[in-house]
Amino acid sequence: MLKSTHLPGVLPREVARTFAALRAGTDPCKLTREIAARHPESPRAAGRVLDLALACFWLAEGAPLCDVLTMLECRHRFELSSAACRAYAVEILRAAERHMQALGGPPNSTPKEHEYAVA
């Protein structure tokens, strides 16, 4: 069963807090533990929030979409099948794009993506 990215009430403020902490250079493992401690009723929420914040962070830094997708797949390659891993990564990436657009972030494509695109 795939993990859901839907975390009502928790998601927006936790992603924003986690994103800010990532920008400040905080270790992602430490962030996962902190999120899990704040939300003991939802033990898997910490990983999803961190995945979403990491995807937003990479997109904000100008990483190509395919690199963000690969990063998300690699983070879960030992706990999910390859098909489930890809589906989860795509789901998180789409949620990150929606989150960035809601905040007025960068559009779907980034400058680096155009730079490395094959004509």
C-alpha atoms as a PDB file:
ATOM      1  CA  MET A   1       0.000   0.000   0.000  1.00  0.00           C
ATOM      2  CA  LEU A   2       1.322   3.425  -0.931  1.00  0.00           C
ATOM      3  CA  LYS A   3       1.853   6.125   1.616  1.00  0.00           C
ATOM      4  CA  SER A   4      -0.575   8.991   1.300  1.00  0.00           C
ATOM      5  CA  THR A   5       0.691  12.543   1.054  1.00  0.00           C
ATOM      6  CA  HIS A   6      -2.565  13.882   2.485  1.00  0.00           C
ATOM      7  CA  LEU A   7      -1.948  15.182   6.006  1.00  0.00           C
ATOM      8  CA  PRO A   8      -4.787  17.573   6.857  1.00  0.00           C
ATOM      9  CA  GLY A   9      -3.832  20.375   9.210  1.00  0.00           C
ATOM     10  CA  VAL A  10      -0.270  19.147   9.705  1.00  0.00           C
ATOM     11  CA  LEU A  11       1.131  19.498   6.233  1.00  0.00           C
ATOM     12  CA  PRO A  12       1.308  23.225   5.437  1.00  0.00           C
ATOM     13  CA  ARG A  13       2.866  24.434   8.670  1.00  0.00           C
ATOM     14  CA  GLU A  14       5.170  21.421   9.086  1.00  0.00           C
ATOM     15  CA  VAL A  15       6.399  21.617   5.501  1.00  0.00           C
ATOM     16  CA  ALA A  16       7.069  25.338   5.887  1.00  0.00           C
ATOM     17  CA  ARG A  17       8.912  24.768   9.183  1.00  0.00           C
ATOM     18  CA  THR A  18      10.897  21.853   7.754  1.00  0.00           C
ATOM     19  CA  PHE A  19      11.721  23.761   4.563  1.00  0.00           C
ATOM     20  CA  ALA A  20      13.076  26.675   6.621  1.00  0.00           C
ATOM     21  CA  ALA A  21      15.146  24.288   8.738  1.00  0.00           C
ATOM     22  CA  LEU A  22      16.599  22.640   5.609  1.00  0.00           C
ATOM     23  CA  ARG A  23      17.534  26.061   4.250  1.00  0.00           C
ATOM     24  CA  ALA A  24      19.276  26.774   7.559  1.00  0.00           C
ATOM     25  CA  GLY A  25      21.329  23.590   7.142  1.00  0.00           C
ATOM     26  CA  THR A  26      19.640  21.317   9.689  1.00  0.00           C
ATOM     27  CA  ASP A  27      20.264  17.580   9.252  1.00  0.00           C
ATOM     28  CA  PRO A  28      17.265  15.804   7.633  1.00  0.00           C
ATOM     29  CA  CYS A  29      17.503  12.864  10.069  1.00  0.00           C
ATOM     30  CA  LYS A  30      17.261  15.252  13.004  1.00  0.00           C
ATOM     31  CA  LEU A  31      14.258  16.940  11.375  1.00  0.00           C
ATOM     32  CA  THR A  32      12.507  13.587  10.936  1.00  0.00           C
ATOM     33  CA  ARG A  33      12.912  12.827  14.644  1.00  0.00           C
ATOM     34  CA  GLU A  34      11.634  16.290  15.617  1.00  0.00           C
ATOM     35  CA  ILE A  35       8.551  15.995  13.400  1.00  0.00           C
ATOM     36  CA  ALA A  36       7.826  12.503  14.715  1.00  0.00           C
ATOM     37  CA  ALA A  37       8.081  13.791  18.284  1.00  0.00           C
ATOM     38  CA  ARG A  38       5.622  16.616  17.546  1.00  0.00           C
ATOM     39  CA  HIS A  39       3.110  14.233  15.946  1.00  0.00           C
ATOM     40  CA  PRO A  40       3.210  10.891  17.767  1.00  0.00           C
ATOM     41  CA  GLU A  41      -0.341  10.080  16.605  1.00  0.00           C
ATOM     42  CA  SER A  42       0.871   9.851  13.002  1.00  0.00           C
ATOM     43  CA  PRO A  43       4.240   8.050  12.988  1.00  0.00           C
ATOM     44  CA  ARG A  44       4.664   7.995   9.200  1.00  0.00           C
ATOM     45  CA  ALA A  45       3.841  11.672   8.798  1.00  0.00           C
ATOM     46  CA  ALA A  46       7.424  12.678   9.592  1.00  0.00           C
ATOM     47  CA  GLY A  47       8.825  10.908   6.550  1.00  0.00           C
ATOM     48  CA  ARG A  48       6.169  12.302   4.239  1.00  0.00           C
ATOM     49  CA  VAL A  49       6.635  15.845   5.533  1.00  0.00           C
ATOM     50  CA  LEU A  50      10.401  15.576   5.124  1.00  0.00           C
ATOM     51  CA  ASP A  51      10.039  14.145   1.599  1.00  0.00           C
ATOM     52  CA  LEU A  52       7.744  16.997   0.629  1.00  0.00           C
ATOM     53  CA  ALA A  53      10.025  19.631   2.190  1.00  0.00           C
ATOM     54  CA  LEU A  54      13.091  18.108   0.509  1.00  0.00           C
ATOM     55  CA  ALA A  55      11.340  18.100  -2.862  1.00  0.00           C
ATOM     56  CA  CYS A  56      10.340  21.750  -2.369  1.00  0.00           C
ATOM     57  CA  PHE A  57      13.891  22.584  -1.295  1.00  0.00           C
ATOM     58  CA  TRP A  58      15.425  20.944  -4.366  1.00  0.00           C
ATOM     59  CA  LEU A  59      12.888  22.605  -6.685  1.00  0.00           C
ATOM     60  CA  ALA A  60      13.546  25.997  -5.090  1.00  0.00           C
ATOM     61  CA  GLU A  61      17.276  25.476  -5.607  1.00  0.00           C
ATOM     62  CA  GLY A  62      16.671  24.878  -9.314  1.00  0.00           C
ATOM     63  CA  ALA A  63      17.168  21.123  -9.485  1.00  0.00           C
ATOM     64  CA  PRO A  64      15.669  19.416 -12.546  1.00  0.00           C
ATOM     65  CA  LEU A  65      12.436  17.507 -11.933  1.00  0.00           C
ATOM     66  CA  CYS A  66      14.053  14.215 -12.898  1.00  0.00           C
ATOM     67  CA  ASP A  67      16.733  14.697 -10.211  1.00  0.00           C
ATOM     68  CA  VAL A  68      14.108  15.394  -7.555  1.00  0.00           C
ATOM     69  CA  LEU A  69      12.198  12.300  -8.651  1.00  0.00           C
ATOM     70  CA  THR A  70      15.364  10.181  -8.426  1.00  0.00           C
ATOM     71  CA  MET A  71      16.178  11.547  -4.966  1.00  0.00           C
ATOM     72  CA  LEU A  72      12.705  10.637  -3.705  1.00  0.00           C
ATOM     73  CA  GLU A  73      12.912   7.151  -5.214  1.00  0.00           C
ATOM     74  CA  CYS A  74      16.344   6.536  -3.673  1.00  0.00           C
ATOM     75  CA  ARG A  75      15.120   7.557  -0.224  1.00  0.00           C
ATOM     76  CA  HIS A  76      12.592   4.690  -0.241  1.00  0.00           C
ATOM     77  CA  ARG A  77      14.207   2.057  -2.442  1.00  0.00           C
ATOM     78  CA  PHE A  78      14.657  -0.420   0.419  1.00  0.00           C
ATOM     79  CA  GLU A  79      11.175  -0.163   1.884  1.00  0.00           C
ATOM     80  CA  LEU A  80       8.971  -0.160  -1.244  1.00  0.00           C
ATOM     81  CA  SER A  81       8.885  -2.099  -4.490  1.00  0.00           C
ATOM     82  CA  SER A  82      10.281  -0.232  -7.479  1.00  0.00           C
ATOM     83  CA  ALA A  83       6.798   0.440  -8.922  1.00  0.00           C
ATOM     84  CA  ALA A  84       5.435   1.617  -5.563  1.00  0.00           C
ATOM     85  CA  CYS A  85       8.570   3.690  -5.018  1.00  0.00           C
ATOM     86  CA  ARG A  86       8.096   5.465  -8.365  1.00  0.00           C
ATOM     87  CA  ALA A  87       4.397   6.067  -7.684  1.00  0.00           C
ATOM     88  CA  TYR A  88       5.147   7.520  -4.245  1.00  0.00           C
ATOM     89  CA  ALA A  89       7.923   9.732  -5.647  1.00  0.00           C
ATOM     90  CA  VAL A  90       5.632  11.064  -8.382  1.00  0.00           C
ATOM     91  CA  GLU A  91       2.900  11.721  -5.817  1.00  0.00           C
ATOM     92  CA  ILE A  92       5.294  13.654  -3.566  1.00  0.00           C
ATOM     93  CA  LEU A  93       6.730  15.575  -6.530  1.00  0.00           C
ATOM     94  CA  ARG A  94       3.252  16.636  -7.661  1.00  0.00           C
ATOM     95  CA  ALA A  95       2.376  17.711  -4.125  1.00  0.00           C
ATOM     96  CA  ALA A  96       5.634  19.688  -3.935  1.00  0.00           C
ATOM     97  CA  GLU A  97       4.862  21.432  -7.215  1.00  0.00           C
ATOM     98  CA  ARG A  98       1.380  22.360  -5.953  1.00  0.00           C
ATOM     99  CA  HIS A  99       2.854  23.570  -2.669  1.00  0.00           C
ATOM    100  CA  MET A 100       5.466  25.709  -4.442  1.00  0.00           C
ATOM    101  CA  GLN A 101       2.879  27.190  -6.808  1.00  0.00           C
ATOM    102  CA  ALA A 102       0.598  28.020  -3.873  1.00  0.00           C
ATOM    103  CA  LEU A 103       3.484  29.907  -2.288  1.00  0.00           C
ATOM    104  CA  GLY A 104       4.286  31.682  -5.534  1.00  0.00           C
ATOM    105  CA  GLY A 105       7.410  29.624  -6.057  1.00  0.00           C
ATOM    106  CA  PRO A 106       9.138  28.714  -9.282  1.00  0.00           C
ATOM    107  CA  PRO A 107       7.095  27.357 -12.184  1.00  0.00           C
ATOM    108  CA  ASN A 108       7.112  23.732 -13.301  1.00  0.00           C
ATOM    109  CA  SER A 109      10.366  23.995 -15.201  1.00  0.00           C
ATOM    110  CA  THR A 110      13.524  25.467 -13.781  1.00  0.00           C
ATOM    111  CA  PRO A 111      16.426  27.344 -15.434  1.00  0.00           C
ATOM    112  CA  LYS A 112      18.809  24.412 -14.954  1.00  0.00           C
ATOM    113  CA  GLU A 113      16.306  22.086 -16.565  1.00  0.00           C
ATOM    114  CA  HIS A 114      16.362  24.159 -19.739  1.00  0.00           C
ATOM    115  CA  GLU A 115      20.134  24.362 -19.606  1.00  0.00           C
ATOM    116  CA  TYR A 116      20.508  20.569 -19.598  1.00  0.00           C
ATOM    117  CA  ALA A 117      17.614  19.781 -21.932  1.00  0.00           C
ATOM    118  CA  VAL A 118      18.400  17.934 -25.133  1.00  0.00           C
ATOM    119  CA  ALA A 119      17.202  19.786 -28.221  1.00  0.00           C
END
